[in-house]
């Protein structure tokens, strides 16, 4: 594959370096998405729901084509148990983490779910201006963790041809996510330019080291690879089901969000087939 060969020619053959490059790419695309608020100053809720639906579609397809299926067929010798255990652990990790930090939907959409007893809806910070920022850092950082890990695990497997589509897919879905959180910050009263830069820095601090960590872990302990692939997939599937789909359907724009999801699946499948 030409692209994979060029990638190795440019960055060498070390999978850990590849993980670093992958982390930089997805963080850079998140910064690009966050910076769109400088030119697209007031995107409608309908447009954001469609964009986040697209992100969900990309993540959904990538979870299976780049993580679960190759984890079972290639790295587990056809044994599904390690990958499925990883999927369950990834979903459980996100579920338990959501008890400790607020749900991302509060910050992405400004909406609250009707369940007042939801521990994620508690805002234990008095400063009304500071609270959304602090909660944003906690919640969005948590939900970006599996993305960086997935890219690192993909490159750590040594399959550059398969990891590149995954990197591009997660990077592409980071664009609407970056825009959405920038809009949320603007709505909280923060400066557009300062917050776009802050968002890019935040994504780099999380996704880059996790990409390197994922690559290093599976290179050091190869037996972890199918579990790690399942973990990253399970965490992303949890985010899709628990956060993105319910919130993009809550404002009456479910048709746009659904079409965006389908488009995201098509784009990811095309990337996987044409580049993988």
Protein backbone atom coordinates (compact mmCIF):
# COMPACT_ATOMS: atom_id res chain seq x y z
CA UNK A 1 0.00 0.00 0.00
CA UNK A 2 1.48 3.31 -1.14
CA UNK A 3 0.25 5.46 1.77
CA UNK A 4 1.48 3.00 4.40
CA UNK A 5 4.86 2.79 2.65
CA UNK A 6 5.14 6.57 2.57
CA UNK A 7 4.18 6.77 6.23
CA UNK A 8 6.96 4.34 7.17
CA UNK A 9 9.41 6.16 4.89
CA UNK A 10 8.65 9.49 6.56
CA UNK A 11 8.45 8.39 10.19
CA UNK A 12 10.49 5.19 10.35
CA UNK A 13 9.39 1.75 11.46
CA UNK A 14 8.98 2.28 15.23
CA UNK A 15 5.29 1.69 16.17
CA UNK A 16 5.63 3.95 19.22
CA UNK A 17 6.74 6.83 17.00
CA UNK A 18 3.80 6.01 14.76
CA UNK A 19 1.51 6.27 17.78
CA UNK A 20 2.97 9.70 18.55
CA UNK A 21 2.37 10.85 14.98
CA UNK A 22 -1.17 9.51 15.10
CA UNK A 23 -1.83 11.36 18.34
CA UNK A 24 -0.52 14.59 16.83
CA UNK A 25 -2.74 14.18 13.77
CA UNK A 26 -5.98 13.62 15.70
CA UNK A 27 -5.13 16.42 18.15
CA UNK A 28 -4.39 18.75 15.24
CA UNK A 29 -7.72 17.99 13.60
CA UNK A 30 -9.47 18.62 16.92
CA UNK A 31 -7.77 22.02 17.03
CA UNK A 32 -8.91 22.66 13.46
CA UNK A 33 -12.50 21.85 14.41
CA UNK A 34 -12.31 24.06 17.47
CA UNK A 35 -10.96 26.91 15.34
CA UNK A 36 -13.94 26.74 12.96
CA UNK A 37 -15.88 28.78 15.50
CA UNK A 38 -13.76 31.73 14.40
CA UNK A 39 -15.44 31.70 10.96
CA UNK A 40 -18.67 29.81 11.66
CA UNK A 41 -19.69 31.95 14.58
CA UNK A 42 -23.20 30.73 15.24
CA UNK A 43 -23.85 27.17 14.01
CA UNK A 44 -27.41 26.05 14.58
CA UNK A 45 -28.30 23.22 16.92
CA UNK A 46 -29.56 21.31 13.89
CA UNK A 47 -26.17 21.60 12.19
CA UNK A 48 -24.32 20.56 15.36
CA UNK A 49 -26.59 17.54 15.82
CA UNK A 50 -25.93 16.49 12.23
CA UNK A 51 -22.17 16.95 12.67
CA UNK A 52 -22.10 15.00 15.92
CA UNK A 53 -24.21 12.29 14.28
CA UNK A 54 -21.53 12.08 11.60
CA UNK A 55 -18.88 11.72 14.32
CA UNK A 56 -20.91 8.91 15.90
CA UNK A 57 -21.12 7.08 12.57
CA UNK A 58 -17.38 7.28 12.04
CA UNK A 59 -16.67 6.00 15.55
CA UNK A 60 -19.26 3.22 15.22
CA UNK A 61 -17.78 1.85 11.99
CA UNK A 62 -14.20 2.28 13.22
CA UNK A 63 -14.97 0.35 16.40
CA UNK A 64 -15.80 -2.72 14.34
CA UNK A 65 -13.67 -2.47 11.19
CA UNK A 66 -10.45 -1.27 12.83
CA UNK A 67 -10.66 -2.70 16.34
CA UNK A 68 -13.14 -5.49 17.08
CA UNK A 69 -12.98 -7.50 13.84
CA UNK A 70 -9.19 -7.41 13.35
CA UNK A 71 -8.74 -7.95 17.09
CA UNK A 72 -10.65 -11.22 16.82
CA UNK A 73 -9.56 -12.44 13.41
CA UNK A 74 -5.92 -11.36 13.36
CA UNK A 75 -4.68 -10.86 16.91
CA UNK A 76 -6.71 -13.47 18.81
CA UNK A 77 -6.46 -16.27 16.28
CA UNK A 78 -10.23 -16.29 15.83
CA UNK A 79 -10.91 -16.46 19.58
CA UNK A 80 -13.40 -13.67 20.39
CA UNK A 81 -13.08 -13.85 24.18
CA UNK A 82 -10.11 -11.46 24.74
CA UNK A 83 -11.62 -8.77 22.52
CA UNK A 84 -15.10 -9.14 24.00
CA UNK A 85 -13.69 -8.96 27.52
CA UNK A 86 -11.94 -5.76 26.47
CA UNK A 87 -15.20 -4.35 25.07
CA UNK A 88 -16.97 -4.98 28.37
CA UNK A 89 -14.10 -3.46 30.37
CA UNK A 90 -14.02 -0.36 28.16
CA UNK A 91 -17.75 0.21 28.51
CA UNK A 92 -17.59 -0.41 32.28
CA UNK A 93 -14.73 2.07 32.63
CA UNK A 94 -16.70 4.82 30.90
CA UNK A 95 -19.83 3.96 32.87
CA UNK A 96 -18.04 4.21 36.21
CA UNK A 97 -16.18 7.33 35.14
CA UNK A 98 -19.45 9.06 34.29
CA UNK A 99 -20.44 8.70 37.93
CA UNK A 100 -17.43 10.80 38.91
CA UNK A 101 -17.59 13.53 36.28
CA UNK A 102 -20.53 15.26 34.58
CA UNK A 103 -21.98 13.95 31.36
CA UNK A 104 -20.51 15.54 28.27
CA UNK A 105 -23.98 16.29 26.92
CA UNK A 106 -24.42 19.17 29.37
CA UNK A 107 -21.46 20.92 27.78
CA UNK A 108 -22.01 19.92 24.17
CA UNK A 109 -25.69 20.84 23.96
CA UNK A 110 -26.56 22.87 27.03
CA UNK A 111 -29.42 20.45 27.66
CA UNK A 112 -30.05 18.44 30.79
CA UNK A 113 -31.75 15.10 30.89
CA UNK A 114 -35.05 14.92 32.72
CA UNK A 115 -33.68 12.58 35.36
CA UNK A 116 -32.77 14.97 38.15
CA UNK A 117 -31.22 12.17 40.14
CA UNK A 118 -28.53 11.64 37.49
CA UNK A 119 -25.24 12.21 39.34
CA UNK A 120 -23.78 13.64 36.15
CA UNK A 121 -26.20 16.56 36.35
CA UNK A 122 -24.80 17.79 39.64
CA UNK A 123 -22.73 20.95 39.33
CA UNK A 124 -20.76 21.25 42.60
CA UNK A 125 -19.04 24.51 41.61
CA UNK A 126 -20.37 27.86 42.78
CA UNK A 127 -18.77 30.13 40.22
CA UNK A 128 -21.24 30.07 37.31
CA UNK A 129 -18.63 31.17 34.80
CA UNK A 130 -15.96 28.75 35.97
CA UNK A 131 -18.22 25.72 36.35
CA UNK A 132 -18.85 25.02 32.65
CA UNK A 133 -15.14 25.32 31.89
CA UNK A 134 -14.07 22.94 34.65
CA UNK A 135 -16.80 20.47 33.77
CA UNK A 136 -15.86 20.70 30.13
CA UNK A 137 -12.24 19.80 30.85
CA UNK A 138 -13.27 16.80 32.95
CA UNK A 139 -16.02 15.42 30.75
CA UNK A 140 -14.57 15.96 27.29
CA UNK A 141 -11.13 14.79 28.40
CA UNK A 142 -12.70 11.58 29.67
CA UNK A 143 -14.60 10.97 26.45
CA UNK A 144 -11.55 11.62 24.25
CA UNK A 145 -9.40 9.10 26.10
CA UNK A 146 -10.54 6.04 24.10
CA UNK A 147 -9.91 7.87 20.83
CA UNK A 148 -6.24 8.47 21.58
CA UNK A 149 -5.91 4.95 22.97
CA UNK A 150 -7.51 3.45 19.85
CA UNK A 151 -5.05 5.19 17.53
CA UNK A 152 -2.10 4.12 19.66
CA UNK A 153 -3.28 0.53 19.83
CA UNK A 154 -3.84 0.53 16.07
CA UNK A 155 -0.27 1.61 15.35
CA UNK A 156 1.12 -0.53 18.16
CA UNK A 157 -0.28 -3.61 16.43
CA UNK A 158 2.25 -3.02 13.66
CA UNK A 159 -0.47 -2.87 10.99
CA UNK A 160 0.25 0.57 9.56
CA UNK A 161 -2.11 0.03 6.64
CA UNK A 162 -4.98 -0.64 9.04
CA UNK A 163 -4.02 2.05 11.55
CA UNK A 164 -3.96 4.92 9.04
CA UNK A 165 -7.71 4.72 8.21
CA UNK A 166 -8.46 4.55 11.94
CA UNK A 167 -6.29 7.62 12.58
CA UNK A 168 -7.98 9.55 9.77
CA UNK A 169 -11.45 8.49 10.86
CA UNK A 170 -10.96 9.55 14.47
CA UNK A 171 -9.30 12.76 13.31
CA UNK A 172 -12.24 13.53 11.02
CA UNK A 173 -14.77 12.92 13.78
CA UNK A 174 -12.70 15.18 16.04
CA UNK A 175 -13.52 18.13 13.78
CA UNK A 176 -17.25 18.40 14.59
CA UNK A 177 -16.52 17.48 18.21
CA UNK A 178 -13.97 20.29 18.48
CA UNK A 179 -16.46 22.73 16.97
CA UNK A 180 -19.22 21.61 19.34
CA UNK A 181 -17.18 22.13 22.48
CA UNK A 182 -15.96 25.52 21.25
CA UNK A 183 -19.56 26.59 20.71
CA UNK A 184 -20.39 25.39 24.22
CA UNK A 185 -17.54 27.51 25.59
CA UNK A 186 -18.68 30.57 23.64
CA UNK A 187 -22.17 30.09 25.04
CA UNK A 188 -20.57 30.03 28.52
CA UNK A 189 -19.16 33.50 27.83
CA UNK A 190 -15.55 32.71 26.93
CA UNK A 191 -13.61 34.40 24.16
CA UNK A 192 -13.80 32.53 20.83
CA UNK A 193 -10.14 32.74 19.87
CA UNK A 194 -8.77 31.97 23.33
CA UNK A 195 -11.06 29.02 23.75
CA UNK A 196 -10.32 27.55 20.33
CA UNK A 197 -6.64 27.52 21.25
CA UNK A 198 -7.40 26.10 24.70
CA UNK A 199 -9.45 23.29 23.16
CA UNK A 200 -6.58 22.30 20.90
CA UNK A 201 -4.14 22.28 23.81
CA UNK A 202 -6.52 20.19 25.90
CA UNK A 203 -6.97 17.60 23.18
CA UNK A 204 -3.21 17.38 22.69
CA UNK A 205 -2.58 16.83 26.37
CA UNK A 206 -4.97 13.89 26.41
CA UNK A 207 -4.91 12.21 23.02
CA UNK A 208 -1.19 12.42 22.28
CA UNK A 209 0.15 10.68 25.41
CA UNK A 210 -2.63 8.10 25.30
CA UNK A 211 -1.78 7.28 21.70
CA UNK A 212 1.86 6.79 22.71
CA UNK A 213 0.83 4.79 25.78
CA UNK A 214 -1.43 2.53 23.72
CA UNK A 215 1.32 1.83 21.20
CA UNK A 216 3.90 1.24 23.92
CA UNK A 217 1.66 -1.06 25.97
CA UNK A 218 0.80 -3.42 23.15
CA UNK A 219 4.39 -3.41 21.88
CA UNK A 220 5.74 -4.24 25.33
CA UNK A 221 3.12 -6.86 26.24
CA UNK A 222 1.80 -8.24 22.97
CA UNK A 223 -0.79 -10.38 24.76
CA UNK A 224 -2.57 -7.14 25.74
CA UNK A 225 -3.30 -6.21 22.13
CA UNK A 226 -6.71 -7.90 21.65
CA UNK A 227 -7.84 -6.74 25.11
CA UNK A 228 -6.69 -3.18 24.36
CA UNK A 229 -8.43 -3.15 20.98
CA UNK A 230 -11.63 -4.33 22.61
CA UNK A 231 -11.27 -1.81 25.45
CA UNK A 232 -10.91 1.13 23.04
CA UNK A 233 -13.87 -0.10 20.98
CA UNK A 234 -16.08 -0.65 24.02
CA UNK A 235 -15.32 2.81 25.37
CA UNK A 236 -16.15 4.44 22.03
CA UNK A 237 -19.37 2.43 21.69
CA UNK A 238 -20.39 3.57 25.18
CA UNK A 239 -19.84 7.22 24.25
CA UNK A 240 -21.90 6.80 21.07
CA UNK A 241 -24.83 5.08 22.77
CA UNK A 242 -24.88 6.92 26.10
CA UNK A 243 -23.98 10.43 24.99
CA UNK A 244 -24.03 11.27 21.31
CA UNK A 245 -27.13 9.45 20.04
CA UNK A 246 -29.49 10.47 22.89
CA UNK A 247 -28.41 14.10 22.79
CA UNK A 248 -28.49 14.52 19.02
CA UNK A 249 -32.04 13.12 19.09
CA UNK A 250 -33.27 15.21 22.01
CA UNK A 251 -33.81 18.51 20.20
CA UNK A 252 -36.10 17.35 17.40
CA UNK A 253 -33.32 16.88 14.84
CA UNK A 254 -33.16 13.10 14.95
CA UNK A 255 -33.55 12.74 11.16
CA UNK A 256 -30.56 14.99 10.47
CA UNK A 257 -28.52 13.25 13.16
CA UNK A 258 -29.42 9.82 11.75
CA UNK A 259 -28.44 10.83 8.22
CA UNK A 260 -25.21 12.23 9.62
CA UNK A 261 -24.54 8.90 11.35
CA UNK A 262 -25.09 6.97 8.13
CA UNK A 263 -22.81 9.34 6.25
CA UNK A 264 -20.14 8.85 8.90
CA UNK A 265 -20.39 5.06 8.56
CA UNK A 266 -20.06 5.34 4.77
CA UNK A 267 -17.00 7.59 5.04
CA UNK A 268 -15.27 5.27 7.51
CA UNK A 269 -16.02 2.17 5.43
CA UNK A 270 -14.67 3.90 2.35
CA UNK A 271 -11.48 4.90 4.18
CA UNK A 272 -11.06 1.40 5.56
CA UNK A 273 -11.47 -0.26 2.16
CA UNK A 274 -9.54 2.25 0.06
CA UNK A 275 -6.65 2.77 2.50
CA UNK A 276 -6.63 -0.49 4.45
